[in-house]
């Protein structure tokens, strides 16, 4: 189950760890059941290729219920999907992300304090490979220049999360063949 969630999050450029499930949220429980099905299906000699559809509401309730451990500094996150695109809206404490690291680069001054962050990305999975391209990031509604974002990612995120970047390609877990972001849903097929 952990691998499936990591794949979903990698489609948005975020990698998180899964703690034990503790939830009384109906939609979070539905999400848990779908993740369990994907995990069990992957263990079959011939996995059922029928699509598994996870709704935006299920995914967001799963996070809201506390079923995912957020990366250091990420306080809250929600996802919005539309054809091939994911928007992640998060509350981020940049001081926690940068803990113990200083920089004299004035371009990185925007990455301090706690702010509302929006991440727009193109995301899909095909032939067992996930692909993410971050199109843009905003902090409190103001677009962050890509060159400043790349410096921040290289200096503060890559040391902790080496697979996170502006462009990421990775193997999908649990024999997932395709992952398609649609309007308010994520559909995965296994092979």
Protein backbone atom coordinates (compact mmCIF):
# COMPACT_ATOMS: atom_id res chain seq x y z
CA UNK A 1 0.00 0.00 0.00
CA UNK A 2 2.86 2.39 0.80
CA UNK A 3 4.26 2.05 -2.73
CA UNK A 4 0.96 3.01 -4.34
CA UNK A 5 0.70 6.20 -2.32
CA UNK A 6 4.30 7.04 -3.08
CA UNK A 7 3.53 6.61 -6.79
CA UNK A 8 0.49 8.89 -6.50
CA UNK A 9 2.56 11.48 -4.71
CA UNK A 10 5.46 11.15 -7.09
CA UNK A 11 3.01 12.07 -9.83
CA UNK A 12 2.85 15.43 -8.08
CA UNK A 13 6.56 15.54 -7.29
CA UNK A 14 6.22 14.80 -3.60
CA UNK A 15 7.46 11.65 -1.85
CA UNK A 16 6.06 10.72 1.55
CA UNK A 17 6.11 7.77 3.95
CA UNK A 18 3.01 5.88 5.07
CA UNK A 19 2.38 5.43 8.81
CA UNK A 20 -0.11 2.91 10.21
CA UNK A 21 -3.64 3.76 9.10
CA UNK A 22 -5.81 5.46 11.68
CA UNK A 23 -8.99 6.84 10.17
CA UNK A 24 -12.67 7.19 10.72
CA UNK A 25 -13.19 9.15 7.51
CA UNK A 26 -15.50 7.35 5.07
CA UNK A 27 -13.67 8.52 1.95
CA UNK A 28 -10.26 7.79 3.48
CA UNK A 29 -11.43 4.26 4.23
CA UNK A 30 -12.59 3.89 0.64
CA UNK A 31 -9.13 5.02 -0.50
CA UNK A 32 -7.51 2.51 1.85
CA UNK A 33 -9.61 -0.30 0.37
CA UNK A 34 -8.59 0.68 -3.16
CA UNK A 35 -4.93 0.78 -2.20
CA UNK A 36 -5.24 -2.62 -0.54
CA UNK A 37 -6.84 -3.99 -3.72
CA UNK A 38 -3.97 -2.64 -5.85
CA UNK A 39 -1.39 -4.13 -3.52
CA UNK A 40 -3.11 -7.55 -3.42
CA UNK A 41 -3.75 -7.51 -7.17
CA UNK A 42 -0.04 -6.95 -7.82
CA UNK A 43 0.77 -10.24 -6.08
CA UNK A 44 -1.35 -12.32 -8.48
CA UNK A 45 0.32 -14.23 -11.32
CA UNK A 46 -2.02 -12.38 -13.70
CA UNK A 47 -3.26 -9.15 -12.13
CA UNK A 48 -6.77 -8.05 -12.99
CA UNK A 49 -6.28 -5.26 -15.59
CA UNK A 50 -9.56 -3.54 -14.66
CA UNK A 51 -8.90 0.12 -13.81
CA UNK A 52 -8.91 1.31 -10.22
CA UNK A 53 -10.26 4.84 -9.90
CA UNK A 54 -9.36 6.99 -6.91
CA UNK A 55 -11.31 10.21 -6.60
CA UNK A 56 -9.84 13.54 -5.66
CA UNK A 57 -12.10 13.54 -2.59
CA UNK A 58 -10.80 10.13 -1.47
CA UNK A 59 -7.17 11.13 -1.91
CA UNK A 60 -7.65 14.44 -0.09
CA UNK A 61 -9.62 12.83 2.75
CA UNK A 62 -6.87 10.22 3.12
CA UNK A 63 -4.37 13.03 3.70
CA UNK A 64 -6.73 15.08 5.88
CA UNK A 65 -7.37 12.04 8.10
CA UNK A 66 -3.66 11.95 8.93
CA UNK A 67 -2.97 8.70 7.07
CA UNK A 68 0.16 10.11 5.45
CA UNK A 69 3.24 11.50 7.13
CA UNK A 70 4.02 14.77 5.44
CA UNK A 71 7.55 15.79 4.52
CA UNK A 72 9.20 18.13 6.99
CA UNK A 73 7.68 21.60 6.63
CA UNK A 74 4.49 20.56 4.78
CA UNK A 75 1.59 21.28 7.12
CA UNK A 76 -1.41 20.56 4.87
CA UNK A 77 -1.92 19.49 1.27
CA UNK A 78 -4.80 18.97 -1.14
CA UNK A 79 -4.81 17.87 -4.75
CA UNK A 80 -6.89 18.89 -7.74
CA UNK A 81 -6.77 16.90 -10.95
CA UNK A 82 -7.74 17.63 -14.52
CA UNK A 83 -6.79 15.98 -17.77
CA UNK A 84 -3.09 15.14 -17.37
CA UNK A 85 -2.51 17.90 -14.81
CA UNK A 86 -2.27 17.99 -11.03
CA UNK A 87 -2.42 21.05 -8.83
CA UNK A 88 -1.19 20.59 -5.27
CA UNK A 89 -2.14 23.28 -2.77
CA UNK A 90 -0.09 23.18 0.42
CA UNK A 91 0.71 25.13 3.55
CA UNK A 92 4.50 25.04 3.81
CA UNK A 93 6.88 26.16 6.56
CA UNK A 94 10.04 26.90 4.59
CA UNK A 95 12.02 27.51 7.79
CA UNK A 96 11.50 23.85 8.73
CA UNK A 97 12.54 22.70 5.26
CA UNK A 98 15.68 24.83 5.44
CA UNK A 99 16.42 23.93 9.09
CA UNK A 100 20.13 24.16 9.77
CA UNK A 101 20.95 25.39 6.26
CA UNK A 102 21.78 28.98 5.45
CA UNK A 103 22.24 30.72 2.16
CA UNK A 104 23.41 34.16 1.14
CA UNK A 105 21.67 33.92 -2.23
CA UNK A 106 19.09 36.75 -2.36
CA UNK A 107 17.00 34.74 -4.85
CA UNK A 108 16.19 32.28 -2.08
CA UNK A 109 14.87 34.95 0.33
CA UNK A 110 11.30 34.22 -0.82
CA UNK A 111 11.60 30.71 0.65
CA UNK A 112 11.19 31.56 4.34
CA UNK A 113 8.32 31.59 6.80
CA UNK A 114 4.99 29.78 6.41
CA UNK A 115 3.10 30.29 3.15
CA UNK A 116 0.40 28.93 0.88
CA UNK A 117 2.11 27.16 -2.01
CA UNK A 118 0.57 26.05 -5.30
CA UNK A 119 2.31 23.53 -7.56
CA UNK A 120 1.07 22.92 -11.11
CA UNK A 121 2.41 19.83 -12.82
CA UNK A 122 1.82 17.64 -15.85
CA UNK A 123 1.70 14.02 -14.69
CA UNK A 124 1.10 10.60 -16.20
CA UNK A 125 2.21 7.01 -16.00
CA UNK A 126 2.74 4.77 -19.00
CA UNK A 127 4.39 1.37 -19.49
CA UNK A 128 5.23 1.17 -15.79
CA UNK A 129 6.97 4.57 -15.72
CA UNK A 130 5.73 7.72 -13.98
CA UNK A 131 6.47 11.12 -15.48
CA UNK A 132 6.10 14.52 -13.81
CA UNK A 133 6.92 17.95 -15.17
CA UNK A 134 6.45 20.86 -12.77
CA UNK A 135 5.07 23.73 -14.84
CA UNK A 136 5.01 26.32 -12.11
CA UNK A 137 4.98 27.12 -8.42
CA UNK A 138 3.38 30.05 -6.65
CA UNK A 139 3.84 31.32 -3.11
CA UNK A 140 0.85 33.20 -1.70
CA UNK A 141 -0.44 33.63 -5.25
CA UNK A 142 2.80 35.04 -6.68
CA UNK A 143 4.58 33.00 -9.35
CA UNK A 144 8.08 31.83 -8.41
CA UNK A 145 10.60 32.22 -11.25
CA UNK A 146 11.68 28.75 -12.42
CA UNK A 147 15.40 29.51 -12.03
CA UNK A 148 14.88 30.46 -8.35
CA UNK A 149 12.78 27.34 -7.84
CA UNK A 150 15.48 25.14 -9.40
CA UNK A 151 18.10 26.63 -7.06
CA UNK A 152 15.83 25.98 -4.04
CA UNK A 153 15.12 22.39 -5.15
CA UNK A 154 18.81 21.65 -5.72
CA UNK A 155 19.97 23.21 -2.44
CA UNK A 156 17.22 22.22 0.01
CA UNK A 157 15.06 19.40 -1.40
CA UNK A 158 17.34 17.12 -3.41
CA UNK A 159 19.62 16.36 -0.44
CA UNK A 160 16.56 15.01 1.45
CA UNK A 161 14.47 13.74 -1.50
CA UNK A 162 16.84 12.85 -4.36
CA UNK A 163 13.99 11.83 -6.71
CA UNK A 164 12.21 15.19 -6.48
CA UNK A 165 12.85 17.69 -9.23
CA UNK A 166 11.29 19.88 -11.87
CA UNK A 167 11.22 16.84 -14.18
CA UNK A 168 11.00 13.34 -12.77
CA UNK A 169 10.79 9.88 -14.32
CA UNK A 170 10.42 6.85 -12.05
CA UNK A 171 9.21 3.24 -11.95
CA UNK A 172 5.62 2.76 -10.85
CA UNK A 173 5.20 0.22 -8.01
CA UNK A 174 2.94 -2.82 -7.65
CA UNK A 175 2.87 -3.66 -11.34
CA UNK A 176 1.05 -0.44 -12.19
CA UNK A 177 1.18 -0.07 -15.96
CA UNK A 178 -0.66 3.24 -16.41
CA UNK A 179 -1.63 6.13 -14.16
CA UNK A 180 -3.94 8.69 -15.71
CA UNK A 181 -4.90 11.97 -14.08
CA UNK A 182 -8.42 12.93 -15.09
CA UNK A 183 -10.98 15.45 -13.92
CA UNK A 184 -10.99 15.01 -10.14
CA UNK A 185 -9.67 11.43 -10.30
CA UNK A 186 -6.62 9.22 -10.74
CA UNK A 187 -7.06 5.97 -12.68
CA UNK A 188 -4.46 3.21 -12.51
CA UNK A 189 -4.24 -0.09 -14.37
CA UNK A 190 -2.02 -3.02 -13.54
CA UNK A 191 -0.35 -5.55 -15.75
